[in-house]
Amino acid sequence: MATPNGQAAFLFLLTSAIAPLVRLSYGRMVVMAFPYTIVMGAVGLFCVINLV
């Protein structure tokens, strides 16, 4: 998870009553957040290389 707030939102959904309705599991939660983590990591690396 890229941010604590993003992780908190997923964990809130995971522990809520609607988790079974949307078939949300911890593994699926990680898979859903993985692209965001990659993009934010790439943007951060780009900024460090070019701006620092």
PDB file of N, CA and C in Angstrom:
ATOM      1  N   MET A   1       0.842  -1.172   0.000  1.00  0.00           N
ATOM      2  CA  MET A   1       0.000   0.000   0.000  1.00  0.00           C
ATOM      3  C   MET A   1       0.891   1.240   0.000  1.00  0.00           C
ATOM      4  N   ALA A   2       0.555   2.164  -0.816  1.00  0.00           N
ATOM      5  CA  ALA A   2       1.435   3.313  -0.987  1.00  0.00           C
ATOM      6  C   ALA A   2       1.273   4.351   0.112  1.00  0.00           C
ATOM      7  N   THR A   3       0.090   4.523   0.648  1.00  0.00           N
ATOM      8  CA  THR A   3      -0.116   5.540   1.675  1.00  0.00           C
ATOM      9  C   THR A   3      -0.858   4.941   2.855  1.00  0.00           C
ATOM     10  N   PRO A   4      -0.625   5.457   4.044  1.00  0.00           N
ATOM     11  CA  PRO A   4      -1.387   4.975   5.201  1.00  0.00           C
ATOM     12  C   PRO A   4      -2.890   5.210   5.038  1.00  0.00           C
ATOM     13  N   ASN A   5      -3.280   6.342   4.453  1.00  0.00           N
ATOM     14  CA  ASN A   5      -4.706   6.609   4.281  1.00  0.00           C
ATOM     15  C   ASN A   5      -5.346   5.628   3.305  1.00  0.00           C
ATOM     16  N   GLY A   6      -4.640   5.296   2.256  1.00  0.00           N
ATOM     17  CA  GLY A   6      -5.157   4.316   1.309  1.00  0.00           C
ATOM     18  C   GLY A   6      -5.308   2.950   1.951  1.00  0.00           C
ATOM     19  N   GLN A   7      -4.352   2.585   2.762  1.00  0.00           N
ATOM     20  CA  GLN A   7      -4.409   1.299   3.458  1.00  0.00           C
ATOM     21  C   GLN A   7      -5.560   1.294   4.460  1.00  0.00           C
ATOM     22  N   ALA A   8      -5.759   2.393   5.144  1.00  0.00           N
ATOM     23  CA  ALA A   8      -6.846   2.465   6.124  1.00  0.00           C
ATOM     24  C   ALA A   8      -8.200   2.320   5.452  1.00  0.00           C
ATOM     25  N   ALA A   9      -8.356   2.918   4.283  1.00  0.00           N
ATOM     26  CA  ALA A   9      -9.625   2.803   3.564  1.00  0.00           C
ATOM     27  C   ALA A   9      -9.878   1.356   3.159  1.00  0.00           C
ATOM     28  N   PHE A  10      -8.857   0.673   2.649  1.00  0.00           N
ATOM     29  CA  PHE A  10      -9.021  -0.730   2.277  1.00  0.00           C
ATOM     30  C   PHE A  10      -9.326  -1.593   3.496  1.00  0.00           C
ATOM     31  N   LEU A  11      -8.609  -1.354   4.591  1.00  0.00           N
ATOM     32  CA  LEU A  11      -8.843  -2.162   5.785  1.00  0.00           C
ATOM     33  C   LEU A  11     -10.222  -1.920   6.367  1.00  0.00           C
ATOM     34  N   PHE A  12     -10.719  -0.682   6.275  1.00  0.00           N
ATOM     35  CA  PHE A  12     -12.081  -0.406   6.728  1.00  0.00           C
ATOM     36  C   PHE A  12     -13.087  -1.204   5.897  1.00  0.00           C
ATOM     37  N   LEU A  13     -12.892  -1.209   4.576  1.00  0.00           N
ATOM     38  CA  LEU A  13     -13.784  -1.989   3.713  1.00  0.00           C
ATOM     39  C   LEU A  13     -13.677  -3.477   4.017  1.00  0.00           C
ATOM     40  N   LEU A  14     -12.453  -3.939   4.256  1.00  0.00           N
ATOM     41  CA  LEU A  14     -12.227  -5.360   4.503  1.00  0.00           C
ATOM     42  C   LEU A  14     -12.955  -5.828   5.761  1.00  0.00           C
ATOM     43  N   THR A  15     -13.034  -4.966   6.765  1.00  0.00           N
ATOM     44  CA  THR A  15     -13.670  -5.355   8.020  1.00  0.00           C
ATOM     45  C   THR A  15     -15.143  -4.965   8.086  1.00  0.00           C
ATOM     46  N   SER A  16     -15.665  -4.332   7.037  1.00  0.00           N
ATOM     47  CA  SER A  16     -17.064  -3.910   7.065  1.00  0.00           C
ATOM     48  C   SER A  16     -17.979  -5.040   6.590  1.00  0.00           C
ATOM     49  N   ALA A  17     -19.266  -4.809   6.713  1.00  0.00           N
ATOM     50  CA  ALA A  17     -20.255  -5.819   6.332  1.00  0.00           C
ATOM     51  C   ALA A  17     -20.379  -5.969   4.820  1.00  0.00           C
ATOM     52  N   ILE A  18     -19.905  -4.982   4.053  1.00  0.00           N
ATOM     53  CA  ILE A  18     -20.050  -5.089   2.600  1.00  0.00           C
ATOM     54  C   ILE A  18     -18.912  -5.860   1.940  1.00  0.00           C
ATOM     55  N   ALA A  19     -17.893  -6.227   2.697  1.00  0.00           N
ATOM     56  CA  ALA A  19     -16.760  -6.969   2.124  1.00  0.00           C
ATOM     57  C   ALA A  19     -17.205  -8.263   1.437  1.00  0.00           C
ATOM     58  N   PRO A  20     -18.081  -9.053   2.047  1.00  0.00           N
ATOM     59  CA  PRO A  20     -18.528 -10.267   1.332  1.00  0.00           C
ATOM     60  C   PRO A  20     -19.338  -9.947   0.076  1.00  0.00           C
ATOM     61  N   LEU A  21     -20.026  -8.836   0.069  1.00  0.00           N
ATOM     62  CA  LEU A  21     -20.845  -8.478  -1.090  1.00  0.00           C
ATOM     63  C   LEU A  21     -19.989  -8.153  -2.308  1.00  0.00           C
ATOM     64  N   VAL A  22     -18.858  -7.496  -2.092  1.00  0.00           N
ATOM     65  CA  VAL A  22     -17.967  -7.152  -3.209  1.00  0.00           C
ATOM     66  C   VAL A  22     -16.828  -8.161  -3.347  1.00  0.00           C
ATOM     67  N   ARG A  23     -16.884  -9.255  -2.580  1.00  0.00           N
ATOM     68  CA  ARG A  23     -15.877 -10.319  -2.598  1.00  0.00           C
ATOM     69  C   ARG A  23     -14.477  -9.781  -2.380  1.00  0.00           C
ATOM     70  N   LEU A  24     -14.327  -8.953  -1.359  1.00  0.00           N
ATOM     71  CA  LEU A  24     -13.040  -8.350  -1.049  1.00  0.00           C
ATOM     72  C   LEU A  24     -12.307  -9.201  -0.022  1.00  0.00           C
ATOM     73  N   SER A  25     -11.116  -9.621  -0.367  1.00  0.00           N
ATOM     74  CA  SER A  25     -10.265 -10.337   0.563  1.00  0.00           C
ATOM     75  C   SER A  25      -8.953  -9.567   0.685  1.00  0.00           C
ATOM     76  N   TYR A  26      -8.105  -9.979   1.621  1.00  0.00           N
ATOM     77  CA  TYR A  26      -6.838  -9.267   1.795  1.00  0.00           C
ATOM     78  C   TYR A  26      -5.980  -9.393   0.540  1.00  0.00           C
ATOM     79  N   GLY A  27      -5.950 -10.578  -0.064  1.00  0.00           N
ATOM     80  CA  GLY A  27      -5.171 -10.772  -1.281  1.00  0.00           C
ATOM     81  C   GLY A  27      -5.664  -9.908  -2.424  1.00  0.00           C
ATOM     82  N   ARG A  28      -6.972  -9.838  -2.587  1.00  0.00           N
ATOM     83  CA  ARG A  28      -7.536  -8.999  -3.655  1.00  0.00           C
ATOM     84  C   ARG A  28      -7.260  -7.525  -3.379  1.00  0.00           C
ATOM     85  N   MET A  29      -7.280  -7.159  -2.120  1.00  0.00           N
ATOM     86  CA  MET A  29      -6.990  -5.782  -1.740  1.00  0.00           C
ATOM     87  C   MET A  29      -5.557  -5.411  -2.149  1.00  0.00           C
ATOM     88  N   VAL A  30      -4.618  -6.307  -1.910  1.00  0.00           N
ATOM     89  CA  VAL A  30      -3.219  -6.057  -2.284  1.00  0.00           C
ATOM     90  C   VAL A  30      -3.083  -5.947  -3.796  1.00  0.00           C
ATOM     91  N   VAL A  31      -3.765  -6.826  -4.526  1.00  0.00           N
ATOM     92  CA  VAL A  31      -3.702  -6.796  -5.988  1.00  0.00           C
ATOM     93  C   VAL A  31      -4.292  -5.494  -6.527  1.00  0.00           C
ATOM     94  N   MET A  32      -5.369  -5.012  -5.921  1.00  0.00           N
ATOM     95  CA  MET A  32      -6.000  -3.767  -6.375  1.00  0.00           C
ATOM     96  C   MET A  32      -5.101  -2.563  -6.114  1.00  0.00           C
ATOM     97  N   ALA A  33      -4.335  -2.589  -5.038  1.00  0.00           N
ATOM     98  CA  ALA A  33      -3.488  -1.454  -4.687  1.00  0.00           C
ATOM     99  C   ALA A  33      -2.126  -1.495  -5.374  1.00  0.00           C
ATOM    100  N   PHE A  34      -1.739  -2.630  -5.939  1.00  0.00           N
ATOM    101  CA  PHE A  34      -0.412  -2.778  -6.521  1.00  0.00           C
ATOM    102  C   PHE A  34      -0.126  -1.799  -7.662  1.00  0.00           C
ATOM    103  N   PRO A  35      -1.039  -1.599  -8.625  1.00  0.00           N
ATOM    104  CA  PRO A  35      -0.739  -0.629  -9.696  1.00  0.00           C
ATOM    105  C   PRO A  35      -0.504   0.784  -9.164  1.00  0.00           C
ATOM    106  N   TYR A  36      -1.280   1.184  -8.182  1.00  0.00           N
ATOM    107  CA  TYR A  36      -1.108   2.511  -7.578  1.00  0.00           C
ATOM    108  C   TYR A  36       0.277   2.618  -6.931  1.00  0.00           C
ATOM    109  N   THR A  37       0.699   1.561  -6.262  1.00  0.00           N
ATOM    110  CA  THR A  37       2.007   1.552  -5.617  1.00  0.00           C
ATOM    111  C   THR A  37       3.122   1.684  -6.649  1.00  0.00           C
ATOM    112  N   ILE A  38       3.003   0.980  -7.752  1.00  0.00           N
ATOM    113  CA  ILE A  38       4.016   1.044  -8.810  1.00  0.00           C
ATOM    114  C   ILE A  38       4.079   2.447  -9.412  1.00  0.00           C
ATOM    115  N   VAL A  39       2.926   3.028  -9.722  1.00  0.00           N
ATOM    116  CA  VAL A  39       2.890   4.366 -10.328  1.00  0.00           C
ATOM    117  C   VAL A  39       3.474   5.404  -9.377  1.00  0.00           C
ATOM    118  N   MET A  40       3.085   5.368  -8.115  1.00  0.00           N
ATOM    119  CA  MET A  40       3.594   6.350  -7.163  1.00  0.00           C
ATOM    120  C   MET A  40       5.090   6.164  -6.930  1.00  0.00           C
ATOM    121  N   GLY A  41       5.557   4.914  -6.927  1.00  0.00           N
ATOM    122  CA  GLY A  41       6.985   4.668  -6.789  1.00  0.00           C
ATOM    123  C   GLY A  41       7.771   5.205  -7.983  1.00  0.00           C
ATOM    124  N   ALA A  42       7.227   5.019  -9.188  1.00  0.00           N
ATOM    125  CA  ALA A  42       7.895   5.518 -10.397  1.00  0.00           C
ATOM    126  C   ALA A  42       7.932   7.045 -10.414  1.00  0.00           C
ATOM    127  N   VAL A  43       6.841   7.685 -10.026  1.00  0.00           N
ATOM    128  CA  VAL A  43       6.804   9.149  -9.978  1.00  0.00           C
ATOM    129  C   VAL A  43       7.806   9.663  -8.942  1.00  0.00           C
ATOM    130  N   GLY A  44       7.862   9.030  -7.792  1.00  0.00           N
ATOM    131  CA  GLY A  44       8.817   9.427  -6.761  1.00  0.00           C
ATOM    132  C   GLY A  44      10.248   9.264  -7.215  1.00  0.00           C
ATOM    133  N   LEU A  45      10.554   8.143  -7.872  1.00  0.00           N
ATOM    134  CA  LEU A  45      11.901   7.924  -8.387  1.00  0.00           C
ATOM    135  C   LEU A  45      12.259   8.960  -9.453  1.00  0.00           C
ATOM    136  N   PHE A  46      11.334   9.253 -10.346  1.00  0.00           N
ATOM    137  CA  PHE A  46      11.555  10.271 -11.372  1.00  0.00           C
ATOM    138  C   PHE A  46      11.872  11.620 -10.741  1.00  0.00           C
ATOM    139  N   CYS A  47      11.112  11.990  -9.720  1.00  0.00           N
ATOM    140  CA  CYS A  47      11.338  13.284  -9.056  1.00  0.00           C
ATOM    141  C   CYS A  47      12.691  13.308  -8.351  1.00  0.00           C
ATOM    142  N   VAL A  48      13.062  12.231  -7.701  1.00  0.00           N
ATOM    143  CA  VAL A  48      14.350  12.193  -7.003  1.00  0.00           C
ATOM    144  C   VAL A  48      15.498  12.292  -8.003  1.00  0.00           C
ATOM    145  N   ILE A  49      15.397  11.586  -9.114  1.00  0.00           N
ATOM    146  CA  ILE A  49      16.477  11.619 -10.095  1.00  0.00           C
ATOM    147  C   ILE A  49      16.591  12.979 -10.775  1.00  0.00           C
ATOM    148  N   ASN A  50      15.473  13.582 -11.126  1.00  0.00           N
ATOM    149  CA  ASN A  50      15.502  14.793 -11.929  1.00  0.00           C
ATOM    150  C   ASN A  50      15.422  16.101 -11.134  1.00  0.00           C
ATOM    151  N   LEU A  51      14.909  16.057  -9.930  1.00  0.00           N
ATOM    152  CA  LEU A  51      14.700  17.298  -9.191  1.00  0.00           C
ATOM    153  C   LEU A  51      15.624  17.469  -8.000  1.00  0.00           C
ATOM    154  N   VAL A  52      16.290  16.424  -7.594  1.00  0.00           N
ATOM    155  CA  VAL A  52      17.156  16.526  -6.413  1.00  0.00           C
ATOM    156  C   VAL A  52      18.603  16.557  -6.829  1.00  0.00           C
TER     157      VAL A  52
END
